[in-house]
Amino acid sequence: MENQLIIMTNKEAQRYEIIKNLINKKITGVQAAKQLSLSTRQIKRLKKSS
């Protein structure tokens, strides 16, 4: 598979980093929820779907 360039807005890149940190257990669901202005329930759904 060849390398592909993914273009994101700054907001999307920040969201990606937060979700990546959540999955890698560098931050908790509560911290991710606060940073993304979402509920902890929504964060659980995001984590489950990734």
PDB file of N, CA and C in Angstrom:
ATOM      1  N   MET A   1       0.841  -1.179   0.000  1.00  0.00           N
ATOM      2  CA  MET A   1       0.000   0.000   0.000  1.00  0.00           C
ATOM      3  C   MET A   1       0.887   1.244   0.000  1.00  0.00           C
ATOM      4  N   GLU A   2       0.559   2.195  -0.823  1.00  0.00           N
ATOM      5  CA  GLU A   2       1.371   3.403  -0.902  1.00  0.00           C
ATOM      6  C   GLU A   2       0.930   4.427   0.130  1.00  0.00           C
ATOM      7  N   ASN A   3       1.843   5.321   0.501  1.00  0.00           N
ATOM      8  CA  ASN A   3       1.525   6.375   1.470  1.00  0.00           C
ATOM      9  C   ASN A   3       0.532   7.346   0.884  1.00  0.00           C
ATOM     10  N   GLN A   4      -0.417   7.784   1.727  1.00  0.00           N
ATOM     11  CA  GLN A   4      -1.414   8.735   1.290  1.00  0.00           C
ATOM     12  C   GLN A   4      -1.368   9.950   2.193  1.00  0.00           C
ATOM     13  N   LEU A   5      -1.612  11.098   1.639  1.00  0.00           N
ATOM     14  CA  LEU A   5      -1.654  12.341   2.385  1.00  0.00           C
ATOM     15  C   LEU A   5      -3.085  12.588   2.825  1.00  0.00           C
ATOM     16  N   ILE A   6      -3.270  12.819   4.120  1.00  0.00           N
ATOM     17  CA  ILE A   6      -4.590  13.115   4.657  1.00  0.00           C
ATOM     18  C   ILE A   6      -4.615  14.578   5.060  1.00  0.00           C
ATOM     19  N   ILE A   7      -5.566  15.300   4.546  1.00  0.00           N
ATOM     20  CA  ILE A   7      -5.679  16.724   4.838  1.00  0.00           C
ATOM     21  C   ILE A   7      -6.797  16.931   5.850  1.00  0.00           C
ATOM     22  N   MET A   8      -6.457  17.638   6.949  1.00  0.00           N
ATOM     23  CA  MET A   8      -7.434  17.919   8.000  1.00  0.00           C
ATOM     24  C   MET A   8      -7.333  19.378   8.406  1.00  0.00           C
ATOM     25  N   THR A   9      -8.433  19.862   8.968  1.00  0.00           N
ATOM     26  CA  THR A   9      -8.389  21.187   9.569  1.00  0.00           C
ATOM     27  C   THR A   9      -7.668  21.067  10.915  1.00  0.00           C
ATOM     28  N   ASN A  10      -7.287  22.200  11.493  1.00  0.00           N
ATOM     29  CA  ASN A  10      -6.645  22.168  12.811  1.00  0.00           C
ATOM     30  C   ASN A  10      -7.558  21.535  13.851  1.00  0.00           C
ATOM     31  N   LYS A  11      -8.840  21.847  13.783  1.00  0.00           N
ATOM     32  CA  LYS A  11      -9.813  21.295  14.738  1.00  0.00           C
ATOM     33  C   LYS A  11      -9.880  19.771  14.619  1.00  0.00           C
ATOM     34  N   GLU A  12      -9.902  19.267  13.390  1.00  0.00           N
ATOM     35  CA  GLU A  12      -9.939  17.822  13.173  1.00  0.00           C
ATOM     36  C   GLU A  12      -8.660  17.161  13.670  1.00  0.00           C
ATOM     37  N   ALA A  13      -7.512  17.811  13.458  1.00  0.00           N
ATOM     38  CA  ALA A  13      -6.229  17.269  13.908  1.00  0.00           C
ATOM     39  C   ALA A  13      -6.174  17.212  15.433  1.00  0.00           C
ATOM     40  N   GLN A  14      -6.690  18.246  16.101  1.00  0.00           N
ATOM     41  CA  GLN A  14      -6.718  18.248  17.561  1.00  0.00           C
ATOM     42  C   GLN A  14      -7.623  17.138  18.079  1.00  0.00           C
ATOM     43  N   ARG A  15      -8.771  16.979  17.451  1.00  0.00           N
ATOM     44  CA  ARG A  15      -9.719  15.920  17.842  1.00  0.00           C
ATOM     45  C   ARG A  15      -9.070  14.545  17.669  1.00  0.00           C
ATOM     46  N   TYR A  16      -8.369  14.359  16.556  1.00  0.00           N
ATOM     47  CA  TYR A  16      -7.664  13.103  16.295  1.00  0.00           C
ATOM     48  C   TYR A  16      -6.646  12.808  17.396  1.00  0.00           C
ATOM     49  N   GLU A  17      -5.862  13.806  17.781  1.00  0.00           N
ATOM     50  CA  GLU A  17      -4.840  13.622  18.813  1.00  0.00           C
ATOM     51  C   GLU A  17      -5.469  13.249  20.153  1.00  0.00           C
ATOM     52  N   ILE A  18      -6.575  13.894  20.506  1.00  0.00           N
ATOM     53  CA  ILE A  18      -7.258  13.592  21.765  1.00  0.00           C
ATOM     54  C   ILE A  18      -7.778  12.164  21.762  1.00  0.00           C
ATOM     55  N   ILE A  19      -8.397  11.761  20.669  1.00  0.00           N
ATOM     56  CA  ILE A  19      -8.933  10.393  20.581  1.00  0.00           C
ATOM     57  C   ILE A  19      -7.796   9.376  20.586  1.00  0.00           C
ATOM     58  N   LYS A  20      -6.709   9.684  19.913  1.00  0.00           N
ATOM     59  CA  LYS A  20      -5.546   8.795  19.908  1.00  0.00           C
ATOM     60  C   LYS A  20      -4.979   8.635  21.319  1.00  0.00           C
ATOM     61  N   ASN A  21      -4.895   9.746  22.059  1.00  0.00           N
ATOM     62  CA  ASN A  21      -4.411   9.684  23.440  1.00  0.00           C
ATOM     63  C   ASN A  21      -5.357   8.881  24.325  1.00  0.00           C
ATOM     64  N   LEU A  22      -6.641   8.994  24.081  1.00  0.00           N
ATOM     65  CA  LEU A  22      -7.629   8.222  24.833  1.00  0.00           C
ATOM     66  C   LEU A  22      -7.446   6.727  24.577  1.00  0.00           C
ATOM     67  N   ILE A  23      -7.318   6.350  23.330  1.00  0.00           N
ATOM     68  CA  ILE A  23      -7.157   4.937  22.968  1.00  0.00           C
ATOM     69  C   ILE A  23      -5.852   4.379  23.534  1.00  0.00           C
ATOM     70  N   ASN A  24      -4.791   5.206  23.543  1.00  0.00           N
ATOM     71  CA  ASN A  24      -3.495   4.775  24.078  1.00  0.00           C
ATOM     72  C   ASN A  24      -3.409   4.922  25.596  1.00  0.00           C
ATOM     73  N   LYS A  25      -4.544   5.277  26.231  1.00  0.00           N
ATOM     74  CA  LYS A  25      -4.674   5.399  27.686  1.00  0.00           C
ATOM     75  C   LYS A  25      -3.745   6.453  28.287  1.00  0.00           C
ATOM     76  N   LYS A  26      -3.449   7.494  27.516  1.00  0.00           N
ATOM     77  CA  LYS A  26      -2.667   8.614  28.038  1.00  0.00           C
ATOM     78  C   LYS A  26      -3.570   9.611  28.756  1.00  0.00           C
ATOM     79  N   ILE A  27      -4.861   9.610  28.424  1.00  0.00           N
ATOM     80  CA  ILE A  27      -5.847  10.439  29.107  1.00  0.00           C
ATOM     81  C   ILE A  27      -7.084   9.592  29.384  1.00  0.00           C
ATOM     82  N   THR A  28      -7.903  10.060  30.320  1.00  0.00           N
ATOM     83  CA  THR A  28      -9.123   9.324  30.667  1.00  0.00           C
ATOM     84  C   THR A  28     -10.278   9.788  29.783  1.00  0.00           C
ATOM     85  N   GLY A  29     -11.372   9.050  29.859  1.00  0.00           N
ATOM     86  CA  GLY A  29     -12.575   9.428  29.127  1.00  0.00           C
ATOM     87  C   GLY A  29     -13.125  10.764  29.594  1.00  0.00           C
ATOM     88  N   VAL A  30     -13.030  11.034  30.879  1.00  0.00           N
ATOM     89  CA  VAL A  30     -13.508  12.303  31.430  1.00  0.00           C
ATOM     90  C   VAL A  30     -12.676  13.465  30.881  1.00  0.00           C
ATOM     91  N   GLN A  31     -11.361  13.285  30.831  1.00  0.00           N
ATOM     92  CA  GLN A  31     -10.485  14.330  30.283  1.00  0.00           C
ATOM     93  C   GLN A  31     -10.783  14.567  28.805  1.00  0.00           C
ATOM     94  N   ALA A  32     -10.952  13.490  28.054  1.00  0.00           N
ATOM     95  CA  ALA A  32     -11.263  13.612  26.623  1.00  0.00           C
ATOM     96  C   ALA A  32     -12.602  14.316  26.432  1.00  0.00           C
ATOM     97  N   ALA A  33     -13.579  13.976  27.253  1.00  0.00           N
ATOM     98  CA  ALA A  33     -14.898  14.596  27.155  1.00  0.00           C
ATOM     99  C   ALA A  33     -14.811  16.102  27.383  1.00  0.00           C
ATOM    100  N   LYS A  34     -14.044  16.511  28.378  1.00  0.00           N
ATOM    101  CA  LYS A  34     -13.887  17.940  28.660  1.00  0.00           C
ATOM    102  C   LYS A  34     -13.186  18.647  27.503  1.00  0.00           C
ATOM    103  N   GLN A  35     -12.144  18.037  26.975  1.00  0.00           N
ATOM    104  CA  GLN A  35     -11.375  18.660  25.893  1.00  0.00           C
ATOM    105  C   GLN A  35     -12.189  18.787  24.613  1.00  0.00           C
ATOM    106  N   LEU A  36     -13.085  17.826  24.372  1.00  0.00           N
ATOM    107  CA  LEU A  36     -13.883  17.832  23.149  1.00  0.00           C
ATOM    108  C   LEU A  36     -15.280  18.424  23.349  1.00  0.00           C
ATOM    109  N   SER A  37     -15.582  18.830  24.570  1.00  0.00           N
ATOM    110  CA  SER A  37     -16.916  19.367  24.909  1.00  0.00           C
ATOM    111  C   SER A  37     -18.009  18.357  24.554  1.00  0.00           C
ATOM    112  N   LEU A  38     -17.780  17.108  24.942  1.00  0.00           N
ATOM    113  CA  LEU A  38     -18.743  16.027  24.727  1.00  0.00           C
ATOM    114  C   LEU A  38     -19.042  15.372  26.064  1.00  0.00           C
ATOM    115  N   SER A  39     -20.078  14.548  26.086  1.00  0.00           N
ATOM    116  CA  SER A  39     -20.389  13.790  27.298  1.00  0.00           C
ATOM    117  C   SER A  39     -19.491  12.559  27.354  1.00  0.00           C
ATOM    118  N   THR A  40     -19.356  12.017  28.563  1.00  0.00           N
ATOM    119  CA  THR A  40     -18.545  10.800  28.694  1.00  0.00           C
ATOM    120  C   THR A  40     -19.184   9.645  27.920  1.00  0.00           C
ATOM    121  N   ARG A  41     -20.509   9.652  27.816  1.00  0.00           N
ATOM    122  CA  ARG A  41     -21.216   8.623  27.037  1.00  0.00           C
ATOM    123  C   ARG A  41     -20.802   8.695  25.560  1.00  0.00           C
ATOM    124  N   GLN A  42     -20.727   9.905  25.016  1.00  0.00           N
ATOM    125  CA  GLN A  42     -20.315  10.066  23.618  1.00  0.00           C
ATOM    126  C   GLN A  42     -18.873   9.613  23.423  1.00  0.00           C
ATOM    127  N   ILE A  43     -18.034   9.870  24.415  1.00  0.00           N
ATOM    128  CA  ILE A  43     -16.631   9.443  24.339  1.00  0.00           C
ATOM    129  C   ILE A  43     -16.555   7.917  24.317  1.00  0.00           C
ATOM    130  N   LYS A  44     -17.365   7.255  25.142  1.00  0.00           N
ATOM    131  CA  LYS A  44     -17.383   5.788  25.142  1.00  0.00           C
ATOM    132  C   LYS A  44     -17.766   5.257  23.766  1.00  0.00           C
ATOM    133  N   ARG A  45     -18.727   5.895  23.133  1.00  0.00           N
ATOM    134  CA  ARG A  45     -19.143   5.472  21.781  1.00  0.00           C
ATOM    135  C   ARG A  45     -18.018   5.676  20.776  1.00  0.00           C
ATOM    136  N   LEU A  46     -17.341   6.826  20.871  1.00  0.00           N
ATOM    137  CA  LEU A  46     -16.214   7.104  19.966  1.00  0.00           C
ATOM    138  C   LEU A  46     -15.127   6.049  20.125  1.00  0.00           C
ATOM    139  N   LYS A  47     -14.796   5.755  21.374  1.00  0.00           N
ATOM    140  CA  LYS A  47     -13.732   4.789  21.646  1.00  0.00           C
ATOM    141  C   LYS A  47     -14.120   3.400  21.161  1.00  0.00           C
ATOM    142  N   LYS A  48     -15.383   3.039  21.364  1.00  0.00           N
ATOM    143  CA  LYS A  48     -15.861   1.720  20.943  1.00  0.00           C
ATOM    144  C   LYS A  48     -15.818   1.564  19.425  1.00  0.00           C
ATOM    145  N   SER A  49     -16.118   2.642  18.703  1.00  0.00           N
ATOM    146  CA  SER A  49     -16.193   2.553  17.244  1.00  0.00           C
ATOM    147  C   SER A  49     -14.821   2.584  16.584  1.00  0.00           C
ATOM    148  N   SER A  50     -13.784   2.956  17.330  1.00  0.00           N
ATOM    149  CA  SER A  50     -12.458   3.048  16.693  1.00  0.00           C
ATOM    150  C   SER A  50     -11.641   1.803  16.862  1.00  0.00           C
TER     151      SER A  50
END
